[in-house]
N, C-alpha and C. Protein backbone atom coordinates (compact mmCIF):
# COMPACT_ATOMS: atom_id res chain seq x y z
N MET A 1 12.82 23.43 22.34
CA MET A 1 11.43 23.12 21.94
C MET A 1 11.17 21.63 22.00
N ALA A 2 10.14 21.20 22.78
CA ALA A 2 9.86 19.80 22.94
C ALA A 2 8.96 19.32 21.73
N THR A 3 9.29 18.16 21.18
CA THR A 3 8.46 17.59 20.18
C THR A 3 7.80 16.39 20.68
N THR A 4 6.63 16.15 20.13
CA THR A 4 5.80 14.97 20.51
C THR A 4 5.73 14.01 19.42
N GLU A 5 5.73 12.72 19.68
CA GLU A 5 5.61 11.68 18.68
C GLU A 5 4.09 11.29 18.58
N ILE A 6 3.69 11.05 17.36
CA ILE A 6 2.33 10.56 17.23
C ILE A 6 2.24 9.10 17.60
N VAL A 7 3.25 8.36 17.21
CA VAL A 7 3.35 6.91 17.53
C VAL A 7 4.39 6.67 18.58
N THR A 8 3.98 6.20 19.70
CA THR A 8 5.02 5.93 20.75
C THR A 8 5.63 4.60 20.50
N ARG A 9 6.87 4.53 20.80
CA ARG A 9 7.62 3.20 20.40
C ARG A 9 8.05 2.58 21.82
N THR A 10 8.03 1.23 21.78
CA THR A 10 8.45 0.50 22.97
C THR A 10 9.94 0.45 23.02
N ASP A 11 10.46 -0.16 24.07
CA ASP A 11 11.90 -0.12 24.19
C ASP A 11 12.68 -0.87 23.17
N ASP A 12 12.04 -1.88 22.52
CA ASP A 12 12.68 -2.63 21.43
C ASP A 12 12.39 -2.13 20.10
N GLY A 13 11.74 -1.03 19.96
CA GLY A 13 11.55 -0.37 18.61
C GLY A 13 10.33 -0.77 17.95
N ARG A 14 9.42 -1.63 18.56
CA ARG A 14 8.23 -2.00 17.87
C ARG A 14 7.18 -0.84 18.13
N SER A 15 6.36 -0.54 17.17
CA SER A 15 5.37 0.49 17.38
C SER A 15 4.14 -0.12 18.07
N THR A 16 3.31 0.74 18.52
CA THR A 16 2.16 0.42 19.29
C THR A 16 0.97 0.06 18.49
N ASP A 17 -0.08 -0.18 18.99
CA ASP A 17 -1.28 -0.52 18.25
C ASP A 17 -1.88 0.61 17.37
N LEU A 18 -1.30 1.81 17.48
CA LEU A 18 -1.78 2.88 16.70
C LEU A 18 -1.49 2.63 15.22
N ASP A 19 -0.33 1.99 14.92
CA ASP A 19 -0.06 1.71 13.56
C ASP A 19 -1.12 0.76 12.89
N THR A 20 -1.48 -0.21 13.69
CA THR A 20 -2.48 -1.15 13.14
C THR A 20 -3.88 -0.48 13.09
N LEU A 21 -4.25 0.50 13.98
CA LEU A 21 -5.35 1.22 13.78
C LEU A 21 -5.47 2.04 12.52
N TYR A 22 -4.35 2.72 12.17
CA TYR A 22 -4.19 3.47 11.01
C TYR A 22 -4.32 2.66 9.70
N LEU A 23 -3.62 1.44 9.79
CA LEU A 23 -3.73 0.50 8.62
C LEU A 23 -5.11 0.04 8.35
N LEU A 24 -5.92 -0.39 9.50
CA LEU A 24 -7.23 -0.92 9.21
C LEU A 24 -8.12 0.22 8.93
N GLY A 25 -7.93 1.41 9.48
CA GLY A 25 -8.74 2.54 9.09
C GLY A 25 -8.61 2.92 7.60
N GLY A 26 -7.39 2.90 7.09
CA GLY A 26 -7.13 3.19 5.76
C GLY A 26 -7.72 2.09 4.85
N ALA A 27 -7.62 0.84 5.28
CA ALA A 27 -8.24 -0.26 4.37
C ALA A 27 -9.74 -0.06 4.32
N ALA A 28 -10.43 0.29 5.44
CA ALA A 28 -11.81 0.48 5.54
C ALA A 28 -12.21 1.61 4.56
N LEU A 29 -11.43 2.74 4.57
CA LEU A 29 -11.77 3.83 3.70
C LEU A 29 -11.60 3.42 2.19
N VAL A 30 -10.69 2.67 1.86
CA VAL A 30 -10.44 2.12 0.48
C VAL A 30 -11.63 1.29 0.10
N ILE A 31 -12.12 0.45 0.97
CA ILE A 31 -13.25 -0.41 0.65
C ILE A 31 -14.56 0.42 0.44
N VAL A 32 -14.81 1.32 1.35
CA VAL A 32 -15.98 2.19 1.33
C VAL A 32 -15.95 2.97 -0.09
N GLY A 33 -14.66 3.61 -0.31
CA GLY A 33 -14.67 4.42 -1.57
C GLY A 33 -14.87 3.56 -2.76
N ALA A 34 -14.27 2.41 -2.84
CA ALA A 34 -14.53 1.48 -3.98
C ALA A 34 -16.01 1.15 -4.08
N GLY A 35 -16.66 0.93 -2.99
CA GLY A 35 -18.09 0.64 -3.04
C GLY A 35 -18.91 1.79 -3.56
N LEU A 36 -18.54 3.06 -3.19
CA LEU A 36 -19.17 4.16 -3.61
C LEU A 36 -18.96 4.38 -5.15
N VAL A 37 -17.81 4.19 -5.64
CA VAL A 37 -17.48 4.29 -7.02
C VAL A 37 -18.22 3.26 -7.84
N LEU A 38 -18.23 2.01 -7.37
CA LEU A 38 -18.92 0.96 -8.11
C LEU A 38 -20.39 1.05 -8.06
N SER A 39 -21.00 1.74 -7.08
CA SER A 39 -22.40 1.85 -7.10
C SER A 39 -22.97 2.82 -8.03
N ASN A 40 -22.13 3.67 -8.61
CA ASN A 40 -22.50 4.72 -9.64
C ASN A 40 -22.91 3.97 -10.89
N PRO A 41 -24.24 4.28 -11.41
CA PRO A 41 -24.74 3.68 -12.59
C PRO A 41 -23.86 3.75 -13.81
N THR A 42 -23.21 4.93 -14.05
CA THR A 42 -22.32 5.03 -15.24
C THR A 42 -21.12 4.06 -15.13
N VAL A 43 -20.63 3.96 -13.99
CA VAL A 43 -19.39 3.03 -13.82
C VAL A 43 -19.87 1.56 -13.97
N ARG A 44 -21.07 1.30 -13.47
CA ARG A 44 -21.48 -0.08 -13.63
C ARG A 44 -21.81 -0.40 -15.13
N LYS A 45 -22.28 0.58 -15.91
CA LYS A 45 -22.42 0.41 -17.35
C LYS A 45 -21.22 0.12 -18.06
N TYR A 46 -20.15 0.86 -17.70
CA TYR A 46 -18.73 0.61 -18.29
C TYR A 46 -18.20 -0.73 -17.93
N MET A 47 -18.39 -1.05 -16.64
CA MET A 47 -17.89 -2.31 -16.17
C MET A 47 -18.46 -3.52 -16.91
N SER A 48 -19.82 -3.42 -17.19
CA SER A 48 -20.50 -4.44 -17.83
C SER A 48 -20.03 -4.57 -19.37
N GLN A 49 -19.80 -3.44 -19.86
CA GLN A 49 -19.18 -3.41 -21.25
C GLN A 49 -17.86 -4.02 -21.35
N ILE A 50 -17.07 -3.89 -20.38
CA ILE A 50 -15.69 -4.44 -20.34
C ILE A 50 -15.66 -5.97 -20.25
N GLY A 51 -16.70 -6.41 -19.36
CA GLY A 51 -16.83 -7.74 -19.06
C GLY A 51 -16.05 -8.24 -17.95
N ILE A 52 -15.91 -7.47 -16.85
CA ILE A 52 -15.18 -7.81 -15.69
C ILE A 52 -15.74 -9.04 -15.05
N GLY A 53 -17.11 -9.19 -15.03
CA GLY A 53 -17.77 -10.34 -14.52
C GLY A 53 -17.37 -11.56 -15.10
N ASP A 54 -17.23 -11.57 -16.47
CA ASP A 54 -16.83 -12.72 -17.27
C ASP A 54 -15.40 -13.22 -16.93
N ILE A 55 -14.51 -12.20 -16.74
CA ILE A 55 -13.16 -12.55 -16.41
C ILE A 55 -13.11 -13.29 -15.04
N ALA A 56 -13.88 -12.62 -14.08
CA ALA A 56 -13.85 -13.26 -12.67
C ALA A 56 -14.40 -14.67 -12.71
N SER A 57 -15.52 -14.84 -13.42
CA SER A 57 -16.10 -16.18 -13.44
C SER A 57 -15.22 -17.22 -14.11
N ALA A 58 -14.41 -16.71 -15.12
CA ALA A 58 -13.53 -17.61 -15.85
C ALA A 58 -12.29 -18.02 -14.89
N ALA A 59 -11.96 -17.14 -13.97
CA ALA A 59 -10.83 -17.41 -13.11
C ALA A 59 -11.12 -18.25 -11.93
N ILE A 60 -12.38 -18.37 -11.50
CA ILE A 60 -12.80 -19.08 -10.32
C ILE A 60 -12.33 -20.59 -10.42
N PRO A 61 -12.51 -21.26 -11.50
CA PRO A 61 -12.02 -22.75 -11.51
C PRO A 61 -10.55 -22.86 -11.28
N ASP A 62 -9.76 -21.86 -11.82
CA ASP A 62 -8.36 -21.95 -11.57
C ASP A 62 -8.00 -21.71 -10.20
N ILE A 63 -8.65 -20.85 -9.52
CA ILE A 63 -8.36 -20.47 -8.12
C ILE A 63 -8.76 -21.75 -7.23
N GLU A 64 -9.93 -22.35 -7.54
CA GLU A 64 -10.30 -23.56 -6.76
C GLU A 64 -9.25 -24.63 -6.99
N ARG A 65 -8.79 -24.87 -8.18
CA ARG A 65 -7.76 -25.92 -8.42
C ARG A 65 -6.47 -25.57 -7.64
N TYR A 66 -6.07 -24.35 -7.65
CA TYR A 66 -4.84 -23.86 -6.86
C TYR A 66 -5.04 -24.30 -5.42
N PHE A 67 -6.11 -23.98 -4.76
CA PHE A 67 -6.39 -24.22 -3.40
C PHE A 67 -6.38 -25.77 -3.15
N ARG A 68 -6.95 -26.51 -4.03
CA ARG A 68 -6.96 -28.04 -3.88
C ARG A 68 -5.52 -28.57 -3.91
N LEU A 69 -4.72 -28.01 -4.80
CA LEU A 69 -3.29 -28.42 -4.93
C LEU A 69 -2.49 -28.01 -3.73
N ARG A 70 -2.77 -26.85 -3.23
CA ARG A 70 -2.06 -26.27 -2.06
C ARG A 70 -2.40 -27.09 -0.86
N ALA A 71 -3.60 -27.62 -0.71
CA ALA A 71 -4.01 -28.39 0.50
C ALA A 71 -3.40 -29.80 0.50
N MET A 72 -2.91 -30.24 -0.65
CA MET A 72 -2.32 -31.69 -0.69
C MET A 72 -1.02 -31.74 0.14
């Protein structure tokens, strides 16, 4: 019985661009799914109660400082 491979491999063992396509497709699905969940009014209400926006705005100065130090 002959089997077929979904991903063909080159002579040195590296996979083809199909792996990259699967990876990017999966990442796109995760982003779209997160957008759909976060667009729900109930989820937005709970997120505002938790204060996620406040945490993110408090972390931005630290992130900017990190990038300035890294660029030196």
